[in-house]
Amino acid sequence: MAEPAISFIIPAHNEQCLLGSTLDALLASAEAVGRPFEVIVVNDASTDHTGQIAKEHGACVVPVELRHIAAVRNAGAQQAVGETLIFVDADTVVPQATLRAALEAIDEGAVGGGAAVAFDQRLPIAMRLCITLFMLVYRLGGWATGCFVFVRRDAFEAVGGFDEQYFVAEEWFLSRALKRHGRFVVVGEPVITSARKVQKYSSWRLIWTLLRLLLKGPRAMRQRAGLEIWYGPQHRGTPRRAPRSL
């Protein structure tokens, strides 16, 4: 069997509801692209069937007890053997066109990048406006969102991986570091991610959390307190639907 050219790394905490469909879509896209690959699920302190589902889909399961997303992503990268690392959230579908665009960017010399994002359900209007502004800022900055990040292994190692000082926004800090290292590309083809956080928390709770992080800056990102949206109990999830625009 050929050495994997691509390592897909999926951090997962209690993701039994959505992980299976994420892996089904990822395997279909990867097989269509036709390059050797591996899938690594970093099973972070799950108390459900996350690990079993990952194994049933042929993924390599790396068990950790970290509850720190940057450290979990780095733990997966340490086990990976591919020259291209692709970090995918457990609730995010990667269409074939998006994967092809990311790999073409790497082939053309990019050190890494991200993708546009669509949601699997329509968002409430207040949250839609907030997310639209958030995405605009990220798009203008040319930064990757956390649900999909691709990077050349040598560039990832050169910048020290994800910065483990931070419990959130680790993709922003990595994007910024990689931009100093080489060309960073955000492809226009989207990934499709879950809107489940909006179902669990009110739009205003989400907006207030984002505003608090914006006002307090990196200091607030260096502690887990106040970050329940990311580190609280996982929502049970809902069946995926066709992607919806913001």
Foldseek 3Di string as FASTA:
>chain_A
DDAAQEEEEEEDAQLVQQQLVQLVLVVVLVVVVPGHYAYEYEYEPHPDCVVVSCVVSVHHYHYDHDLFVQVSRVVSLVVGDHQKYKYAYSQKGQHNVNVVVQVVCVVVPQQKEAEAEFELDDAPPLLQVVVVVVVVVCVVVRFHDRRIMMGGSVLCVVLPGFDRQFRPPSRVVSRVSSVVVGHYHYYHDYMYGYPVLCVVDPSVLVVVLVVVCVVVDRVVGRDCPSVCSSRPDDDSDDDGHHTDHD
